[in-house]
């Protein structure tokens, strides 16, 4: 009967992890499943609790630092950004009018849907913009103050 209670606790923790996505509760779920194994082998309740605590602690100590290291962005960790993270800060060319409702830009040869980062800004086709952030498949853009041919102080 003890094994069933530990399994239920493990399942509850695993389901709770789905909603929190912190990868913390799942480690206690692993401990609960280990305690269920101890219970199935006939260990007394005190030993089951020790197995639960030990396996949970070992899982946290072993896995948590690795998970935290991989959750940091490349910019924070000093690594070369890749994927969507590499687009942030890139220059883009407006192909279709961009405002807060939407638009189309070209970033490094690829077409991206875009929206203005600032509700007051509207960009016309041909303008250069800078990618501030990427949300899903939409680039949030801002006017590009420094792009080729428009250096500050070079206005005629």
N, C-alpha and C. Protein backbone atom coordinates (compact mmCIF):
# COMPACT_ATOMS: atom_id res chain seq x y z
N UNK A 1 0.82 -1.20 0.00
CA UNK A 1 0.00 0.00 0.00
C UNK A 1 0.86 1.27 0.00
N UNK A 2 2.01 1.20 0.72
CA UNK A 2 2.90 2.36 0.76
C UNK A 2 3.41 2.72 -0.63
N UNK A 3 3.69 1.70 -1.43
CA UNK A 3 4.21 1.94 -2.78
C UNK A 3 3.21 2.73 -3.61
N UNK A 4 1.94 2.42 -3.47
CA UNK A 4 0.90 3.13 -4.22
C UNK A 4 0.85 4.60 -3.82
N UNK A 5 0.98 4.88 -2.52
CA UNK A 5 0.98 6.28 -2.05
C UNK A 5 2.17 7.04 -2.63
N UNK A 6 3.34 6.42 -2.65
CA UNK A 6 4.53 7.09 -3.21
C UNK A 6 4.36 7.32 -4.71
N UNK A 7 3.77 6.36 -5.40
CA UNK A 7 3.54 6.51 -6.84
C UNK A 7 2.56 7.65 -7.10
N UNK A 8 1.50 7.72 -6.30
CA UNK A 8 0.54 8.82 -6.44
C UNK A 8 1.24 10.15 -6.20
N UNK A 9 2.07 10.23 -5.16
CA UNK A 9 2.81 11.47 -4.89
C UNK A 9 3.72 11.82 -6.06
N UNK A 10 4.40 10.82 -6.60
CA UNK A 10 5.28 11.05 -7.75
C UNK A 10 4.52 11.57 -8.96
N UNK A 11 3.36 11.00 -9.22
CA UNK A 11 2.53 11.45 -10.35
C UNK A 11 2.02 12.87 -10.12
N UNK A 12 1.58 13.16 -8.89
CA UNK A 12 1.10 14.51 -8.57
C UNK A 12 2.22 15.52 -8.78
N UNK A 13 3.43 15.20 -8.32
CA UNK A 13 4.56 16.12 -8.51
C UNK A 13 4.90 16.29 -9.99
N UNK A 14 4.84 15.21 -10.74
CA UNK A 14 5.13 15.29 -12.18
C UNK A 14 4.09 16.15 -12.90
N UNK A 15 2.83 15.98 -12.54
CA UNK A 15 1.77 16.80 -13.15
C UNK A 15 1.93 18.25 -12.74
N UNK A 16 2.25 18.49 -11.49
CA UNK A 16 2.47 19.87 -11.03
C UNK A 16 3.63 20.51 -11.79
N UNK A 17 4.64 19.72 -12.11
CA UNK A 17 5.79 20.23 -12.87
C UNK A 17 5.36 20.72 -14.26
N UNK A 18 4.39 20.07 -14.83
CA UNK A 18 3.90 20.49 -16.15
C UNK A 18 3.37 21.92 -16.09
N UNK A 19 2.77 22.27 -14.98
CA UNK A 19 2.19 23.61 -14.85
C UNK A 19 3.20 24.66 -14.40
N UNK A 20 4.26 24.25 -13.69
CA UNK A 20 5.24 25.23 -13.21
C UNK A 20 6.42 25.38 -14.17
N UNK A 21 6.78 24.34 -14.88
CA UNK A 21 7.91 24.31 -15.82
C UNK A 21 9.20 24.84 -15.22
N UNK A 22 9.42 24.59 -13.93
CA UNK A 22 10.66 25.02 -13.29
C UNK A 22 11.70 23.91 -13.25
N UNK A 23 11.32 22.71 -13.59
CA UNK A 23 12.16 21.52 -13.51
C UNK A 23 12.68 21.31 -12.09
N UNK A 24 11.87 21.65 -11.11
CA UNK A 24 12.25 21.47 -9.72
C UNK A 24 11.38 20.38 -9.08
N UNK A 25 10.09 20.45 -9.29
CA UNK A 25 9.18 19.47 -8.69
C UNK A 25 9.42 18.07 -9.24
N UNK A 26 9.84 17.99 -10.47
CA UNK A 26 10.07 16.66 -11.07
C UNK A 26 11.17 15.91 -10.34
N UNK A 27 12.10 16.65 -9.75
CA UNK A 27 13.19 16.01 -9.01
C UNK A 27 12.66 15.34 -7.75
N UNK A 28 11.66 15.95 -7.12
CA UNK A 28 11.02 15.32 -5.97
C UNK A 28 10.13 14.17 -6.43
N UNK A 29 9.60 14.27 -7.63
CA UNK A 29 8.84 13.15 -8.19
C UNK A 29 9.73 11.93 -8.37
N UNK A 30 10.96 12.16 -8.82
CA UNK A 30 11.91 11.05 -8.96
C UNK A 30 12.17 10.42 -7.59
N UNK A 31 12.32 11.25 -6.57
CA UNK A 31 12.51 10.73 -5.22
C UNK A 31 11.32 9.92 -4.75
N UNK A 32 10.12 10.37 -5.09
CA UNK A 32 8.91 9.64 -4.71
C UNK A 32 8.85 8.28 -5.41
N UNK A 33 9.25 8.24 -6.67
CA UNK A 33 9.25 6.95 -7.38
C UNK A 33 10.32 6.02 -6.81
N UNK A 34 11.45 6.58 -6.38
CA UNK A 34 12.48 5.75 -5.74
C UNK A 34 11.97 5.20 -4.41
N UNK A 35 11.25 6.03 -3.65
CA UNK A 35 10.67 5.57 -2.39
C UNK A 35 9.61 4.49 -2.65
N UNK A 36 8.89 4.62 -3.75
CA UNK A 36 7.90 3.59 -4.12
C UNK A 36 8.61 2.27 -4.39
N UNK A 37 9.79 2.35 -5.02
CA UNK A 37 10.58 1.13 -5.25
C UNK A 37 11.02 0.50 -3.94
N UNK A 38 11.46 1.36 -2.99
CA UNK A 38 11.87 0.85 -1.68
C UNK A 38 10.67 0.21 -0.97
N UNK A 39 9.51 0.84 -1.08
CA UNK A 39 8.31 0.28 -0.45
C UNK A 39 7.93 -1.05 -1.08
N UNK A 40 8.09 -1.15 -2.39
CA UNK A 40 7.75 -2.40 -3.08
C UNK A 40 8.69 -3.53 -2.66
N UNK A 41 9.92 -3.17 -2.26
CA UNK A 41 10.87 -4.18 -1.79
C UNK A 41 10.69 -4.51 -0.32
N UNK A 42 9.71 -3.86 0.35
CA UNK A 42 9.38 -4.18 1.73
C UNK A 42 10.10 -3.34 2.76
N UNK A 43 10.70 -2.23 2.38
CA UNK A 43 11.41 -1.37 3.33
C UNK A 43 10.40 -0.69 4.27
N UNK A 44 10.80 -0.47 5.52
CA UNK A 44 9.90 0.23 6.45
C UNK A 44 9.72 1.70 6.05
N UNK A 45 8.70 2.34 6.61
CA UNK A 45 8.35 3.71 6.24
C UNK A 45 9.52 4.67 6.47
N UNK A 46 10.28 4.49 7.54
CA UNK A 46 11.43 5.36 7.82
C UNK A 46 12.48 5.27 6.71
N UNK A 47 12.74 4.08 6.23
CA UNK A 47 13.71 3.89 5.14
C UNK A 47 13.16 4.50 3.85
N UNK A 48 11.86 4.35 3.62
CA UNK A 48 11.25 4.94 2.43
C UNK A 48 11.42 6.46 2.44
N UNK A 49 11.22 7.07 3.61
CA UNK A 49 11.38 8.53 3.73
C UNK A 49 12.83 8.93 3.49
N UNK A 50 13.76 8.15 4.01
CA UNK A 50 15.18 8.44 3.79
C UNK A 50 15.52 8.30 2.31
N UNK A 51 15.01 7.27 1.64
CA UNK A 51 15.25 7.09 0.20
C UNK A 51 14.67 8.27 -0.57
N UNK A 52 13.46 8.68 -0.21
CA UNK A 52 12.83 9.84 -0.86
C UNK A 52 13.71 11.07 -0.72
N UNK A 53 14.13 11.37 0.52
CA UNK A 53 14.93 12.57 0.77
C UNK A 53 16.29 12.49 0.08
N UNK A 54 16.94 11.34 0.15
CA UNK A 54 18.28 11.19 -0.43
C UNK A 54 18.24 11.30 -1.96
N UNK A 55 17.32 10.59 -2.59
CA UNK A 55 17.24 10.62 -4.05
C UNK A 55 16.82 12.01 -4.53
N UNK A 56 15.88 12.64 -3.83
CA UNK A 56 15.47 13.99 -4.21
C UNK A 56 16.64 14.96 -4.10
N UNK A 57 17.37 14.89 -2.98
CA UNK A 57 18.51 15.79 -2.78
C UNK A 57 19.60 15.54 -3.82
N UNK A 58 19.90 14.28 -4.09
CA UNK A 58 20.93 13.97 -5.09
C UNK A 58 20.52 14.45 -6.48
N UNK A 59 19.26 14.29 -6.80
CA UNK A 59 18.76 14.75 -8.10
C UNK A 59 18.87 16.26 -8.21
N UNK A 60 18.50 16.97 -7.15
CA UNK A 60 18.61 18.43 -7.16
C UNK A 60 20.07 18.85 -7.29
N UNK A 61 20.94 18.24 -6.49
CA UNK A 61 22.36 18.62 -6.51
C UNK A 61 23.03 18.28 -7.83
N UNK A 62 22.63 17.18 -8.46
CA UNK A 62 23.27 16.76 -9.70
C UNK A 62 22.71 17.46 -10.93
N UNK A 63 21.41 17.61 -10.98
CA UNK A 63 20.79 18.11 -12.21
C UNK A 63 20.55 19.61 -12.23
N UNK A 64 20.29 20.22 -11.10
CA UNK A 64 19.91 21.64 -11.06
C UNK A 64 20.98 22.57 -11.65
N UNK A 65 22.26 22.43 -11.31
CA UNK A 65 23.25 23.34 -11.91
C UNK A 65 23.31 23.24 -13.43
N UNK A 66 23.19 22.04 -13.95
CA UNK A 66 23.22 21.86 -15.40
C UNK A 66 21.99 22.49 -16.05
N UNK A 67 20.84 22.31 -15.44
CA UNK A 67 19.60 22.89 -15.97
C UNK A 67 19.69 24.41 -15.95
N UNK A 68 20.17 24.98 -14.85
CA UNK A 68 20.29 26.43 -14.74
C UNK A 68 21.26 26.98 -15.79
N UNK A 69 22.36 26.28 -16.02
CA UNK A 69 23.35 26.73 -17.00
C UNK A 69 22.73 26.76 -18.41
N UNK A 70 21.92 25.79 -18.73
CA UNK A 70 21.31 25.73 -20.06
C UNK A 70 20.13 26.69 -20.21
N UNK A 71 19.53 27.12 -19.11
CA UNK A 71 18.40 28.05 -19.18
C UNK A 71 18.84 29.49 -19.39
N UNK A 72 20.09 29.82 -19.06
CA UNK A 72 20.57 31.19 -19.25
C UNK A 72 20.70 31.45 -20.74
N UNK A 73 20.48 32.69 -21.12
CA UNK A 73 20.63 33.03 -22.53
C UNK A 73 22.11 33.05 -22.88
N UNK A 74 22.41 32.98 -24.16
CA UNK A 74 23.80 33.00 -24.62
C UNK A 74 24.47 34.32 -24.25
N UNK A 75 23.72 35.41 -24.29
CA UNK A 75 24.28 36.70 -23.94
C UNK A 75 24.71 36.72 -22.48
N UNK A 76 23.87 36.17 -21.59
CA UNK A 76 24.19 36.13 -20.17
C UNK A 76 25.38 35.24 -19.88
N UNK A 77 25.53 34.15 -20.61
CA UNK A 77 26.60 33.20 -20.34
C UNK A 77 27.88 33.53 -21.11
N UNK A 78 27.84 34.54 -21.97
CA UNK A 78 29.04 34.92 -22.72
C UNK A 78 29.28 34.06 -23.95
N UNK A 79 28.33 33.22 -24.31
CA UNK A 79 28.48 32.36 -25.48
C UNK A 79 27.95 33.07 -26.71
N UNK A 80 28.26 32.52 -27.87
CA UNK A 80 27.77 33.07 -29.13
C UNK A 80 26.28 32.76 -29.24
N UNK A 81 25.43 33.80 -29.37
CA UNK A 81 23.99 33.53 -29.50
C UNK A 81 23.68 32.83 -30.82
N UNK A 82 22.63 32.03 -30.82
CA UNK A 82 22.20 31.35 -32.04
C UNK A 82 20.70 31.31 -32.08
N UNK A 83 20.15 30.97 -33.23
CA UNK A 83 18.71 30.89 -33.39
C UNK A 83 18.07 32.26 -33.30
N UNK A 84 16.90 32.31 -32.72
CA UNK A 84 16.15 33.55 -32.60
C UNK A 84 16.91 34.57 -31.77
N UNK A 85 17.64 34.10 -30.76
CA UNK A 85 18.40 35.00 -29.90
C UNK A 85 19.45 35.79 -30.69
N UNK A 86 19.97 35.21 -31.77
CA UNK A 86 20.98 35.89 -32.58
C UNK A 86 20.37 37.02 -33.40
N UNK A 87 19.06 37.00 -33.60
CA UNK A 87 18.41 38.04 -34.39
C UNK A 87 18.26 39.35 -33.62
N UNK A 88 18.22 39.26 -32.31
CA UNK A 88 18.03 40.47 -31.50
C UNK A 88 19.23 41.39 -31.67
N UNK A 89 18.95 42.61 -32.07
CA UNK A 89 20.01 43.58 -32.35
C UNK A 89 20.38 43.66 -33.82
N UNK A 90 19.86 42.75 -34.62
CA UNK A 90 20.16 42.74 -36.05
C UNK A 90 19.42 43.86 -36.76
N UNK A 91 19.96 44.26 -37.90
CA UNK A 91 19.32 45.27 -38.73
C UNK A 91 18.38 44.57 -39.71
N UNK A 92 17.28 45.22 -40.02
CA UNK A 92 16.29 44.64 -40.94
C UNK A 92 15.80 45.70 -41.91
N UNK A 93 15.34 45.26 -43.06
CA UNK A 93 14.79 46.14 -44.08
C UNK A 93 13.28 45.96 -44.11
N UNK A 94 12.55 47.06 -44.03
CA UNK A 94 11.09 47.00 -44.05
C UNK A 94 10.63 46.76 -45.48
N UNK A 95 9.83 45.71 -45.68
CA UNK A 95 9.29 45.38 -47.00
C UNK A 95 7.84 45.84 -47.14
N UNK A 96 7.08 45.69 -46.07
CA UNK A 96 5.70 46.17 -46.01
C UNK A 96 5.56 47.01 -44.75
N UNK A 97 4.73 48.02 -44.81
CA UNK A 97 4.54 48.94 -43.69
C UNK A 97 4.46 48.18 -42.36
N UNK A 98 5.23 48.66 -41.38
CA UNK A 98 5.27 48.04 -40.06
C UNK A 98 4.70 49.04 -39.04
N UNK A 99 3.70 48.59 -38.29
CA UNK A 99 3.16 49.39 -37.20
C UNK A 99 2.84 48.42 -36.06
N UNK A 100 2.06 48.83 -35.11
CA UNK A 100 1.76 47.94 -33.97
C UNK A 100 0.87 46.77 -34.35
N UNK A 101 0.21 46.86 -35.50
CA UNK A 101 -0.65 45.76 -35.94
C UNK A 101 0.09 44.70 -36.74
N UNK A 102 1.22 45.07 -37.32
CA UNK A 102 1.97 44.09 -38.09
C UNK A 102 2.75 44.71 -39.23
N UNK A 103 3.36 43.87 -40.02
CA UNK A 103 4.15 44.29 -41.16
C UNK A 103 5.09 43.17 -41.56
N UNK A 104 6.03 43.49 -42.47
CA UNK A 104 6.95 42.48 -42.99
C UNK A 104 8.33 43.09 -43.13
N UNK A 105 9.34 42.39 -42.61
CA UNK A 105 10.72 42.84 -42.72
C UNK A 105 11.58 41.71 -43.25
N UNK A 106 12.76 42.08 -43.72
CA UNK A 106 13.73 41.10 -44.20
C UNK A 106 14.94 41.17 -43.27
N UNK A 107 15.24 40.06 -42.61
CA UNK A 107 16.36 39.97 -41.68
C UNK A 107 17.32 38.90 -42.20
N UNK A 108 18.53 39.32 -42.54
CA UNK A 108 19.54 38.38 -43.05
C UNK A 108 18.99 37.48 -44.17
N UNK A 109 18.24 38.08 -45.08
CA UNK A 109 17.73 37.34 -46.23
C UNK A 109 16.45 36.57 -45.97
N UNK A 110 15.94 36.58 -44.75
CA UNK A 110 14.72 35.86 -44.43
C UNK A 110 13.58 36.84 -44.17
N UNK A 111 12.37 36.47 -44.58
CA UNK A 111 11.20 37.30 -44.35
C UNK A 111 10.61 36.98 -42.98
N UNK A 112 10.32 38.04 -42.23
CA UNK A 112 9.76 37.90 -40.89
C UNK A 112 8.56 38.82 -40.75
N UNK A 113 7.52 38.33 -40.07
CA UNK A 113 6.45 39.25 -39.70
C UNK A 113 7.02 40.13 -38.61
N UNK A 114 6.54 41.38 -38.56
CA UNK A 114 7.10 42.33 -37.61
C UNK A 114 6.01 43.24 -37.07
N UNK A 115 6.31 43.79 -35.91
CA UNK A 115 5.47 44.82 -35.31
C UNK A 115 6.39 45.88 -34.75
N UNK A 116 5.88 47.08 -34.66
CA UNK A 116 6.64 48.17 -34.08
C UNK A 116 6.74 47.97 -32.57
N UNK A 117 7.94 48.12 -32.03
CA UNK A 117 8.15 47.98 -30.58
C UNK A 117 7.47 49.12 -29.84
N UNK A 118 7.46 50.29 -30.49
CA UNK A 118 6.84 51.49 -29.91
C UNK A 118 5.56 51.77 -30.69
N UNK A 119 4.45 51.91 -29.98
CA UNK A 119 3.15 52.12 -30.63
C UNK A 119 3.12 53.40 -31.47
N UNK A 120 3.98 54.36 -31.17
CA UNK A 120 3.98 55.63 -31.90
C UNK A 120 4.78 55.55 -33.21
N UNK A 121 5.56 54.52 -33.39
CA UNK A 121 6.40 54.42 -34.58
C UNK A 121 5.72 53.61 -35.69
N UNK A 122 5.84 54.14 -36.90
CA UNK A 122 5.36 53.46 -38.10
C UNK A 122 6.50 53.51 -39.10
N UNK A 123 6.80 52.39 -39.75
CA UNK A 123 7.91 52.31 -40.69
C UNK A 123 7.41 52.02 -42.09
N UNK A 124 7.93 52.76 -43.03
CA UNK A 124 7.54 52.60 -44.44
C UNK A 124 8.50 51.63 -45.12
N UNK A 125 8.04 51.02 -46.23
CA UNK A 125 8.93 50.14 -46.98
C UNK A 125 10.21 50.87 -47.38
N UNK A 126 11.33 50.15 -47.26
CA UNK A 126 12.63 50.72 -47.60
C UNK A 126 13.40 51.24 -46.40
N UNK A 127 12.72 51.47 -45.28
CA UNK A 127 13.41 51.95 -44.08
C UNK A 127 14.18 50.82 -43.42
N UNK A 128 15.27 51.19 -42.71
CA UNK A 128 16.04 50.23 -41.94
C UNK A 128 15.55 50.29 -40.49
N UNK A 129 15.39 49.14 -39.88
CA UNK A 129 14.97 49.04 -38.49
C UNK A 129 15.90 48.08 -37.76
N UNK A 130 15.83 48.10 -36.46
CA UNK A 130 16.63 47.20 -35.64
C UNK A 130 15.69 46.26 -34.88
N UNK A 131 16.04 44.99 -34.84
CA UNK A 131 15.24 44.00 -34.12
C UNK A 131 15.55 44.14 -32.64
N UNK A 132 14.53 44.46 -31.86
CA UNK A 132 14.69 44.61 -30.43
C UNK A 132 14.46 43.28 -29.72
N UNK A 133 13.45 42.57 -30.16
CA UNK A 133 13.07 41.31 -29.51
C UNK A 133 12.31 40.46 -30.51
N UNK A 134 12.36 39.15 -30.34
CA UNK A 134 11.57 38.24 -31.17
C UNK A 134 10.60 37.51 -30.26
N UNK A 135 9.32 37.59 -30.58
CA UNK A 135 8.28 36.87 -29.84
C UNK A 135 7.60 35.92 -30.80
N UNK A 136 7.84 34.67 -30.58
CA UNK A 136 7.30 33.67 -31.50
C UNK A 136 7.93 33.84 -32.86
N UNK A 137 7.10 34.10 -33.87
CA UNK A 137 7.60 34.31 -35.23
C UNK A 137 7.49 35.77 -35.64
N UNK A 138 7.40 36.67 -34.66
CA UNK A 138 7.25 38.09 -34.95
C UNK A 138 8.41 38.87 -34.35
N UNK A 139 9.04 39.69 -35.18
CA UNK A 139 10.14 40.53 -34.73
C UNK A 139 9.57 41.88 -34.28
N UNK A 140 9.93 42.30 -33.08
CA UNK A 140 9.56 43.62 -32.60
C UNK A 140 10.70 44.56 -32.96
N UNK A 141 10.39 45.61 -33.73
CA UNK A 141 11.45 46.45 -34.30
C UNK A 141 11.35 47.89 -33.82
N UNK A 142 12.45 48.60 -33.96
CA UNK A 142 12.63 49.99 -33.54
C UNK A 142 13.41 50.65 -34.66
N UNK A 143 13.32 51.98 -34.75
CA UNK A 143 14.06 52.66 -35.82
C UNK A 143 15.55 52.38 -35.66
N UNK A 144 16.21 52.21 -36.77
CA UNK A 144 17.65 51.93 -36.78
C UNK A 144 18.38 53.26 -36.86
N UNK A 145 18.88 53.72 -35.72
CA UNK A 145 19.56 55.01 -35.68
C UNK A 145 20.92 54.98 -36.37
N UNK A 146 21.55 53.82 -36.39
CA UNK A 146 22.86 53.71 -37.03
C UNK A 146 22.81 52.58 -38.04
N UNK A 147 22.66 52.96 -39.29
CA UNK A 147 22.70 51.97 -40.36
C UNK A 147 23.63 52.53 -41.43
N UNK A 148 24.12 51.70 -42.34
CA UNK A 148 25.05 52.17 -43.37
C UNK A 148 24.51 53.40 -44.10
N UNK A 149 25.32 54.44 -44.12
CA UNK A 149 24.94 55.63 -44.85
C UNK A 149 24.23 56.67 -44.01
N UNK A 150 23.90 56.34 -42.74
CA UNK A 150 23.21 57.32 -41.90
C UNK A 150 23.94 57.44 -40.56
N UNK A 151 25.20 57.76 -40.61
CA UNK A 151 25.97 57.90 -39.38
C UNK A 151 25.57 59.19 -38.68
N UNK A 152 25.52 59.18 -37.35
CA UNK A 152 25.15 60.38 -36.61
C UNK A 152 26.09 61.54 -36.95
N UNK A 153 25.54 62.70 -37.16
CA UNK A 153 26.32 63.88 -37.49
C UNK A 153 26.65 64.03 -38.96
N UNK A 154 26.19 63.08 -39.79
CA UNK A 154 26.51 63.16 -41.22
C UNK A 154 25.38 63.79 -42.03
N UNK A 155 24.36 64.31 -41.30
CA UNK A 155 23.27 64.94 -42.02
C UNK A 155 23.80 66.19 -42.71
N UNK A 156 23.36 66.44 -43.93
CA UNK A 156 23.91 67.50 -44.75
C UNK A 156 23.26 68.79 -44.58
